[in-house]
């Protein structure tokens, strides 16, 4: 190849490389602009989401002039949408739940063949499962209020009957037209009714005392069966059709579970909508359910939530005020005790030095009345008093030394 041909080939290669370089540069600029637009959209979405969250928070807790807060339905905060046709609806109709309540058996009190039968029945139940389930155990405090009310109504009937029988027996005795056998028979029936009334009252009293003990617990066992509308082949159904299909599918599965559990001597039933409401109420309100039953909660309007939590600094100020009040009361009590103890201390000091004061006062009286009793007599009396003082002081010193010696020996 000649030099001209080589230069032509090199020129062509150089032109191709320059073209490729321009193409890559254009692609780089395009990608850069595209990434910038996407980041901008992301920031805009974040701003919109933040503003929407902020708007939700403001809707949740909007202070007014009187420092009151808006009311919001509690259903907005629950993990389920509603309860309908004995089913719990979740995720806006994308999931349905049906609950089967099972009655437990006392496995420990069974004989060995019965235990084996129960285990085989439960194994059969597990082998027949073709869909997921969830086993839920709920511990509840036994509420004896309904039982006590039922007892009281029945005892009231027994008491009314006893009063009628007592009135008839008194009329029979007053009329004097019945013989002794009739009166004895009526008195026997009256005594039976009286004993029944006393037994009913004792039963109510014992049940009321038992209801005061909050350690009486009961465990309830549930099997939760789910259904997802995505399981159906065609998803072009409205909500009513999906709900009917879900109920039919869940009812069939639940009845199958109940039948297979009978092999283990376990009975079950499908919870109704009212029972599902009570189940969820106890699950979400562990403490309140012991005090307020589901009926009282519904009457009190517990289906609505109020955002009334105080600010943390308000709580702190309130706690500090309580501490200040308590410390002030303690300081006042201590000061009162000190003021009261001062006169007491003075009185004790005078009581301890009372004999010394008496002797000094007696010497003063003798000295002032020398003219009347005579100087020699007064002087001798004063000296006698002083000797007695010195003797008492000596005796006290001896007693103190003896006491110290005893203490040292004891040590």
Protein backbone atom coordinates (compact mmCIF):
# COMPACT_ATOMS: atom_id res chain seq x y z
CA UNK A 1 0.00 0.00 0.00
CA UNK A 2 1.15 3.46 -0.78
CA UNK A 3 1.32 6.30 1.63
CA UNK A 4 -1.78 7.88 0.15
CA UNK A 5 -3.83 4.76 0.65
CA UNK A 6 -2.62 4.39 4.24
CA UNK A 7 -3.51 8.01 4.99
CA UNK A 8 -6.97 7.53 3.48
CA UNK A 9 -7.62 4.44 5.65
CA UNK A 10 -6.44 6.23 8.75
CA UNK A 11 -8.67 9.19 7.93
CA UNK A 12 -11.68 6.92 7.56
CA UNK A 13 -10.93 5.18 10.90
CA UNK A 14 -10.49 8.52 12.60
CA UNK A 15 -13.80 9.77 11.23
CA UNK A 16 -15.59 6.65 12.47
CA UNK A 17 -14.07 7.04 15.92
CA UNK A 18 -15.09 10.70 16.09
CA UNK A 19 -18.63 9.74 15.07
CA UNK A 20 -18.80 7.04 17.74
CA UNK A 21 -17.49 9.51 20.31
CA UNK A 22 -20.24 12.01 19.42
CA UNK A 23 -22.87 9.28 19.69
CA UNK A 24 -21.68 8.19 23.13
CA UNK A 25 -21.60 11.80 24.27
CA UNK A 26 -25.19 12.28 23.12
CA UNK A 27 -26.29 9.12 24.93
CA UNK A 28 -24.56 10.27 28.12
CA UNK A 29 -26.27 13.69 27.97
CA UNK A 30 -29.66 12.02 27.38
CA UNK A 31 -29.25 9.65 30.35
CA UNK A 32 -28.10 12.52 32.54
CA UNK A 33 -31.18 14.56 31.70
CA UNK A 34 -33.45 11.56 32.25
CA UNK A 35 -31.96 10.79 35.70
CA UNK A 36 -32.37 14.43 36.67
CA UNK A 37 -36.06 14.41 35.72
CA UNK A 38 -36.68 11.15 37.61
CA UNK A 39 -34.97 12.51 40.76
CA UNK A 40 -37.06 15.64 40.48
CA UNK A 41 -40.22 13.59 40.21
CA UNK A 42 -39.14 11.54 43.21
CA UNK A 43 -38.59 14.67 45.25
CA UNK A 44 -41.97 15.99 44.15
CA UNK A 45 -43.60 12.69 45.15
CA UNK A 46 -41.85 12.83 48.50
CA UNK A 47 -43.07 16.36 49.05
CA UNK A 48 -46.59 15.36 48.09
CA UNK A 49 -46.49 12.28 50.36
CA UNK A 50 -45.10 14.36 53.23
CA UNK A 51 -47.79 16.93 52.73
CA UNK A 52 -50.44 14.22 52.58
CA UNK A 53 -49.10 12.65 55.79
CA UNK A 54 -49.03 16.05 57.38
CA UNK A 55 -52.59 16.61 56.26
CA UNK A 56 -53.63 13.29 57.76
CA UNK A 57 -51.97 14.16 61.04
CA UNK A 58 -53.66 17.53 61.03
CA UNK A 59 -56.98 15.84 60.38
CA UNK A 60 -56.30 13.43 63.22
CA UNK A 61 -55.44 16.08 65.76
CA UNK A 62 -56.73 19.53 64.94
CA UNK A 63 -56.78 21.86 67.95
CA UNK A 64 -59.61 24.34 68.23
CA UNK A 65 -60.05 27.44 70.32
CA UNK A 66 -61.05 25.49 73.42
CA UNK A 67 -58.08 23.08 73.02
CA UNK A 68 -60.45 20.32 71.87
CA UNK A 69 -59.61 17.71 69.24
CA UNK A 70 -61.48 16.32 66.29
CA UNK A 71 -63.11 12.92 66.43
CA UNK A 72 -62.00 10.15 64.08
CA UNK A 73 -63.41 6.69 63.53
CA UNK A 74 -61.44 3.94 65.19
CA UNK A 75 -61.90 1.78 62.09
CA UNK A 76 -59.21 3.87 60.34
CA UNK A 77 -56.61 2.44 62.72
CA UNK A 78 -57.66 -1.21 62.77
CA UNK A 79 -56.21 -4.04 60.72
CA UNK A 80 -59.65 -4.99 59.43
CA UNK A 81 -62.26 -3.09 57.47
CA UNK A 82 -65.53 -4.47 58.79
CA UNK A 83 -67.39 -7.55 59.97
CA UNK A 84 -70.05 -8.79 57.61
CA UNK A 85 -71.95 -12.08 57.18
CA UNK A 86 -69.97 -13.86 59.92
CA UNK A 87 -66.69 -12.86 58.22
CA UNK A 88 -63.89 -10.41 58.94
CA UNK A 89 -63.11 -8.31 55.87
CA UNK A 90 -59.51 -7.15 55.48
CA UNK A 91 -57.48 -5.15 52.96
CA UNK A 92 -60.49 -3.58 51.26
CA UNK A 93 -62.08 -6.87 50.31
CA UNK A 94 -58.88 -8.63 49.24
CA UNK A 95 -59.00 -11.00 52.21
CA UNK A 96 -61.83 -12.66 54.17
CA UNK A 97 -61.61 -14.56 57.45
CA UNK A 98 -64.00 -16.96 59.16
CA UNK A 99 -63.39 -18.12 62.73
CA UNK A 100 -64.28 -21.52 64.21
CA UNK A 101 -64.49 -21.73 67.99
CA UNK A 102 -63.42 -25.09 69.44
CA UNK A 103 -64.31 -26.53 72.80
CA UNK A 104 -61.25 -28.01 74.49
CA UNK A 105 -61.08 -31.44 76.09
CA UNK A 106 -59.27 -32.59 79.23
CA UNK A 107 -56.62 -34.81 77.69
CA UNK A 108 -54.95 -35.68 81.02
CA UNK A 109 -58.09 -37.28 82.48
CA UNK A 110 -58.53 -39.66 79.52
CA UNK A 111 -57.57 -43.28 79.48
CA UNK A 112 -54.79 -44.51 77.23
CA UNK A 113 -57.12 -45.78 74.44
CA UNK A 114 -58.99 -42.48 74.49
CA UNK A 115 -55.72 -40.53 74.21
CA UNK A 116 -54.67 -42.65 71.24
CA UNK A 117 -58.04 -42.03 69.57
CA UNK A 118 -57.66 -38.28 70.08
CA UNK A 119 -54.16 -38.29 68.62
CA UNK A 120 -55.26 -40.30 65.59
CA UNK A 121 -58.18 -37.96 65.07
CA UNK A 122 -55.94 -34.90 65.19
CA UNK A 123 -53.50 -36.57 62.77
CA UNK A 124 -56.41 -37.19 60.41
CA UNK A 125 -57.41 -33.52 60.76
CA UNK A 126 -53.91 -32.38 59.77
CA UNK A 127 -53.79 -34.76 56.80
CA UNK A 128 -57.10 -33.50 55.43
CA UNK A 129 -56.00 -29.86 55.41
CA UNK A 130 -55.57 -28.46 51.92
CA UNK A 131 -55.52 -24.79 52.82
CA UNK A 132 -53.71 -22.61 55.40
CA UNK A 133 -55.21 -22.07 58.85
CA UNK A 134 -54.21 -20.19 61.97
CA UNK A 135 -54.76 -21.41 65.53
CA UNK A 136 -55.50 -18.61 67.97
CA UNK A 137 -55.79 -18.94 71.76
CA UNK A 138 -57.39 -16.11 73.72
CA UNK A 139 -57.24 -15.93 77.52
CA UNK A 140 -60.15 -14.10 79.13
CA UNK A 141 -61.10 -13.24 82.67
CA UNK A 142 -64.34 -15.00 83.48
CA UNK A 143 -67.13 -12.45 83.84
CA UNK A 144 -69.71 -13.78 86.29
CA UNK A 145 -71.96 -10.73 85.98
CA UNK A 146 -74.41 -12.39 83.59
CA UNK A 147 -74.52 -15.55 85.70
CA UNK A 148 -75.21 -13.52 88.85
CA UNK A 149 -78.01 -11.61 87.13
CA UNK A 150 -79.54 -14.89 85.97
CA UNK A 151 -79.32 -16.33 89.48
CA UNK A 152 -80.95 -13.25 90.96
CA UNK A 153 -83.88 -13.38 88.53
CA UNK A 154 -84.47 -17.05 89.33
CA UNK A 155 -84.15 -16.50 93.08
CA UNK A 156 -86.66 -13.66 92.76
CA UNK A 157 -89.19 -16.11 91.30
CA UNK A 158 -88.51 -18.56 94.13
CA UNK A 159 -88.96 -15.77 96.69
CA UNK A 160 -92.28 -14.69 95.16
CA UNK A 161 -93.53 -18.26 95.25
CA UNK A 162 -92.41 -18.61 98.88
CA UNK A 163 -94.29 -15.44 99.86
CA UNK A 164 -97.44 -16.74 98.18
CA UNK A 165 -97.16 -20.11 99.94
CA UNK A 166 -96.53 -18.38 103.28
CA UNK A 167 -99.61 -16.21 102.79
CA UNK A 168 -101.75 -19.26 101.91
CA UNK A 169 -100.45 -21.19 104.92
CA UNK A 170 -101.30 -18.33 107.28
CA UNK A 171 -104.79 -18.10 105.75
CA UNK A 172 -105.30 -21.84 106.23
CA UNK A 173 -104.33 -21.57 109.88
CA UNK A 174 -106.53 -18.54 110.44
CA UNK A 175 -109.60 -20.08 108.79
CA UNK A 176 -109.58 -23.16 111.11
CA UNK A 177 -111.33 -25.19 108.41
CA UNK A 178 -108.36 -27.44 107.60
CA UNK A 179 -107.33 -30.46 109.58
CA UNK A 180 -103.85 -31.01 110.98
CA UNK A 181 -102.75 -33.27 108.11
CA UNK A 182 -103.45 -30.54 105.54
CA UNK A 183 -101.61 -27.99 107.63
CA UNK A 184 -98.62 -30.30 108.05
CA UNK A 185 -98.52 -31.00 104.33
CA UNK A 186 -98.62 -27.29 103.51
CA UNK A 187 -95.99 -26.54 106.15
CA UNK A 188 -93.75 -29.23 104.65
CA UNK A 189 -94.00 -27.67 101.17
CA UNK A 190 -93.43 -24.22 102.69
CA UNK A 191 -90.28 -25.46 104.43
CA UNK A 192 -88.96 -26.94 101.18
CA UNK A 193 -89.52 -23.64 99.39
CA UNK A 194 -87.81 -21.74 102.21
CA UNK A 195 -84.77 -24.02 102.06
CA UNK A 196 -84.62 -23.56 98.30
CA UNK A 197 -84.74 -19.78 98.73
CA UNK A 198 -81.93 -19.80 101.31
CA UNK A 199 -79.83 -22.04 99.08
CA UNK A 200 -80.29 -19.64 96.16
CA UNK A 201 -79.27 -16.63 98.25
CA UNK A 202 -76.16 -18.44 99.51
CA UNK A 203 -75.29 -19.36 95.94
CA UNK A 204 -75.54 -15.71 94.84
CA UNK A 205 -73.38 -14.54 97.74
CA UNK A 206 -70.68 -17.12 97.01
CA UNK A 207 -70.71 -16.30 93.31
CA UNK A 208 -70.38 -12.59 94.01
CA UNK A 209 -67.40 -13.25 96.30
CA UNK A 210 -65.87 -15.43 93.61
CA UNK A 211 -66.32 -12.67 91.01
CA UNK A 212 -64.09 -10.39 93.12
CA UNK A 213 -61.15 -12.69 92.36
CA UNK A 214 -59.67 -11.57 89.02
CA UNK A 215 -57.44 -14.63 88.75
CA UNK A 216 -60.25 -16.78 87.35
CA UNK A 217 -59.19 -17.21 83.73
CA UNK A 218 -60.57 -19.16 80.81
CA UNK A 219 -58.86 -20.11 77.56
CA UNK A 220 -60.78 -20.04 74.29
CA UNK A 221 -59.45 -21.82 71.22
CA UNK A 222 -60.11 -20.64 67.67
CA UNK A 223 -59.20 -21.77 64.15
CA UNK A 224 -59.03 -18.93 61.62
CA UNK A 225 -59.67 -19.82 57.99
CA UNK A 226 -58.64 -17.25 55.31
CA UNK A 227 -59.87 -16.74 51.77
CA UNK A 228 -58.26 -14.59 49.06
CA UNK A 229 -60.33 -13.49 46.06
CA UNK A 230 -57.21 -13.99 43.90
CA UNK A 231 -57.86 -17.71 44.22
CA UNK A 232 -60.76 -17.41 41.78
CA UNK A 233 -59.96 -17.85 38.09
CA UNK A 234 -61.74 -14.74 36.87
CA UNK A 235 -61.21 -11.54 38.80
CA UNK A 236 -63.89 -9.54 36.98
CA UNK A 237 -66.43 -9.70 39.81
CA UNK A 238 -68.01 -6.96 41.86
CA UNK A 239 -67.78 -6.86 45.64
CA UNK A 240 -71.10 -8.63 46.31
CA UNK A 241 -70.18 -11.54 44.08
CA UNK A 242 -66.74 -11.81 45.70
CA UNK A 243 -68.33 -11.69 49.16
CA UNK A 244 -70.80 -14.47 48.29
CA UNK A 245 -68.03 -16.64 46.87
CA UNK A 246 -65.89 -16.00 49.96
CA UNK A 247 -68.74 -16.93 52.31
CA UNK A 248 -69.50 -20.13 50.39
CA UNK A 249 -65.85 -21.17 50.29
CA UNK A 250 -65.17 -20.31 53.93
CA UNK A 251 -68.37 -21.98 55.15
CA UNK A 252 -67.47 -25.18 53.31
CA UNK A 253 -63.92 -25.19 54.71
CA UNK A 254 -65.12 -24.42 58.25
CA UNK A 255 -67.73 -27.18 58.21
CA UNK A 256 -65.09 -29.61 56.96
CA UNK A 257 -62.82 -28.61 59.86
CA UNK A 258 -65.65 -29.07 62.37
CA UNK A 259 -66.44 -32.54 61.01
CA UNK A 260 -62.83 -33.72 61.08
CA UNK A 261 -62.33 -32.40 64.61
CA UNK A 262 -65.17 -34.56 65.92
CA UNK A 263 -62.83 -37.55 65.52
CA UNK A 264 -60.78 -35.99 68.34
CA UNK A 265 -63.92 -35.45 70.49
CA UNK A 266 -63.64 -31.70 69.84
CA UNK A 267 -66.78 -29.76 69.02
CA UNK A 268 -66.74 -26.51 67.12
CA UNK A 269 -68.97 -23.79 65.78
CA UNK A 270 -68.68 -20.86 63.39
CA UNK A 271 -68.67 -17.51 65.18
CA UNK A 272 -71.45 -15.10 64.27
CA UNK A 273 -70.87 -11.44 63.51
CA UNK A 274 -71.68 -10.42 67.10
CA UNK A 275 -69.27 -13.01 68.48
CA UNK A 276 -66.57 -11.82 66.08
CA UNK A 277 -67.06 -8.28 67.38
CA UNK A 278 -66.57 -9.52 70.94
CA UNK A 279 -63.50 -11.53 69.92
CA UNK A 280 -61.82 -8.49 68.35
CA UNK A 281 -62.88 -6.22 71.20
CA UNK A 282 -61.20 -8.46 73.77
CA UNK A 283 -58.11 -8.81 71.55
CA UNK A 284 -57.68 -5.02 71.18
CA UNK A 285 -58.77 -4.10 74.74
CA UNK A 286 -57.20 -6.54 77.18
CA UNK A 287 -57.57 -4.41 80.31
CA UNK A 288 -60.78 -2.56 79.50
CA UNK A 289 -62.65 -5.76 78.60
CA UNK A 290 -62.41 -6.92 82.23
CA UNK A 291 -64.21 -3.79 83.42
CA UNK A 292 -66.42 -2.88 80.45
CA UNK A 293 -68.05 -5.65 78.48
CA UNK A 294 -68.75 -5.36 74.79
CA UNK A 295 -72.35 -4.26 75.39
CA UNK A 296 -71.32 -1.45 77.75
CA UNK A 297 -68.55 -0.41 75.36
CA UNK A 298 -70.98 -0.12 72.44
CA UNK A 299 -73.44 1.88 74.53
CA UNK A 300 -70.60 4.17 75.65
CA UNK A 301 -69.62 4.92 72.05
CA UNK A 302 -66.31 3.05 71.98
CA UNK A 303 -66.53 2.77 68.19
CA UNK A 304 -65.07 6.29 68.00
CA UNK A 305 -61.56 7.34 68.95
CA UNK A 306 -60.60 10.64 70.56
CA UNK A 307 -57.07 11.96 70.34
CA UNK A 308 -56.80 13.59 73.76
CA UNK A 309 -53.30 12.66 74.87
CA UNK A 310 -51.65 15.60 76.71
CA UNK A 311 -48.33 17.04 75.67
CA UNK A 312 -45.25 15.50 77.28
CA UNK A 313 -44.20 18.81 78.81
CA UNK A 314 -47.66 19.26 80.29
CA UNK A 315 -47.25 15.87 81.93
CA UNK A 316 -43.82 16.90 83.23
CA UNK A 317 -45.16 20.20 84.63
CA UNK A 318 -47.96 18.34 86.38
CA UNK A 319 -45.53 15.83 87.88
CA UNK A 320 -43.23 18.63 89.09
CA UNK A 321 -46.18 20.45 90.67
CA UNK A 322 -47.08 17.30 92.56
CA UNK A 323 -43.49 16.91 93.80
CA UNK A 324 -43.39 20.57 94.93
CA UNK A 325 -46.66 20.18 96.82
CA UNK A 326 -45.47 17.01 98.50
CA UNK A 327 -42.11 18.53 99.54
CA UNK A 328 -43.85 21.66 100.82
CA UNK A 329 -46.19 19.58 102.98
CA UNK A 330 -43.25 17.58 104.38
CA UNK A 331 -41.31 20.77 105.18
CA UNK A 332 -44.33 22.30 106.90
CA UNK A 333 -44.82 19.19 109.03
CA UNK A 334 -41.15 19.13 110.04
CA UNK A 335 -41.25 22.84 111.00
CA UNK A 336 -44.38 22.29 113.08
CA UNK A 337 -42.67 19.42 114.90
CA UNK A 338 -39.65 21.62 115.63
CA UNK A 339 -41.80 24.48 116.94
CA UNK A 340 -43.76 22.12 119.12
CA UNK A 341 -40.58 20.52 120.51
CA UNK A 342 -38.99 23.77 121.79
CA UNK A 343 -41.41 24.29 124.70
CA UNK A 344 -41.15 20.59 125.37
CA UNK A 345 -37.35 20.85 125.63
CA UNK A 346 -37.62 23.82 128.00
CA UNK A 347 -40.09 21.90 130.15
CA UNK A 348 -37.80 18.86 130.27
CA UNK A 349 -34.81 21.02 131.22
CA UNK A 350 -36.72 22.63 134.07
CA UNK A 351 -38.01 19.27 135.19
CA UNK A 352 -34.46 17.86 135.34
CA UNK A 353 -33.12 20.87 137.29
CA UNK A 354 -36.20 21.24 139.48
CA UNK A 355 -34.49 20.07 142.71
CA UNK A 356 -31.57 22.47 142.20
CA UNK A 357 -33.98 25.32 141.60
CA UNK A 358 -35.92 24.39 144.75
CA UNK A 359 -32.80 24.40 146.90
CA UNK A 360 -31.64 27.76 145.53
CA UNK A 361 -35.07 29.23 146.04
CA UNK A 362 -35.15 27.88 149.64
CA UNK A 363 -31.74 29.44 150.41
CA UNK A 364 -32.96 32.74 148.97
CA UNK A 365 -36.08 32.61 151.14
CA UNK A 366 -34.01 31.88 154.29
CA UNK A 367 -31.56 34.66 153.48
CA UNK A 368 -34.35 37.17 152.96
CA UNK A 369 -36.06 36.25 156.24
CA UNK A 370 -33.05 36.28 158.59
CA UNK A 371 -34.60 39.02 160.72
CA UNK A 372 -37.70 36.93 161.42
CA UNK A 373 -36.17 33.49 162.01
CA UNK A 374 -32.82 34.56 163.38
CA UNK A 375 -29.45 34.83 161.73
CA UNK A 376 -27.95 31.69 163.28
CA UNK A 377 -30.97 29.55 162.45
CA UNK A 378 -31.08 30.85 158.88
CA UNK A 379 -27.34 30.23 158.39
CA UNK A 380 -27.54 26.69 159.74
CA UNK A 381 -30.54 25.95 157.56
CA UNK A 382 -28.71 27.26 154.49
CA UNK A 383 -25.63 25.16 155.31
CA UNK A 384 -27.83 22.09 155.80
CA UNK A 385 -29.39 22.60 152.38
CA UNK A 386 -25.97 23.00 150.80
CA UNK A 387 -24.76 19.76 152.47
CA UNK A 388 -27.76 17.93 151.11
CA UNK A 389 -27.01 19.28 147.63
CA UNK A 390 -23.39 18.14 147.86
CA UNK A 391 -24.48 14.72 149.13
CA UNK A 392 -26.97 14.29 146.29
CA UNK A 393 -24.33 15.31 143.76
CA UNK A 394 -21.87 12.85 145.31
CA UNK A 395 -24.44 10.07 145.17
CA UNK A 396 -25.15 10.90 141.53
CA UNK A 397 -21.42 10.77 140.69
CA UNK A 398 -21.10 7.39 142.44
CA UNK A 399 -24.08 6.04 140.53
CA UNK A 400 -22.61 7.28 137.24
CA UNK A 401 -19.25 5.59 138.01
CA UNK A 402 -20.98 2.36 138.92
CA UNK A 403 -23.00 2.44 135.74
CA UNK A 404 -19.89 3.04 133.65
CA UNK A 405 -18.12 0.15 135.38
CA UNK A 406 -21.00 -2.17 134.63
CA UNK A 407 -21.00 -1.14 130.98
CA UNK A 408 -17.26 -1.80 130.71
CA UNK A 409 -17.64 -5.25 132.30
CA UNK A 410 -20.46 -6.04 129.93
CA UNK A 411 -18.38 -5.01 126.92
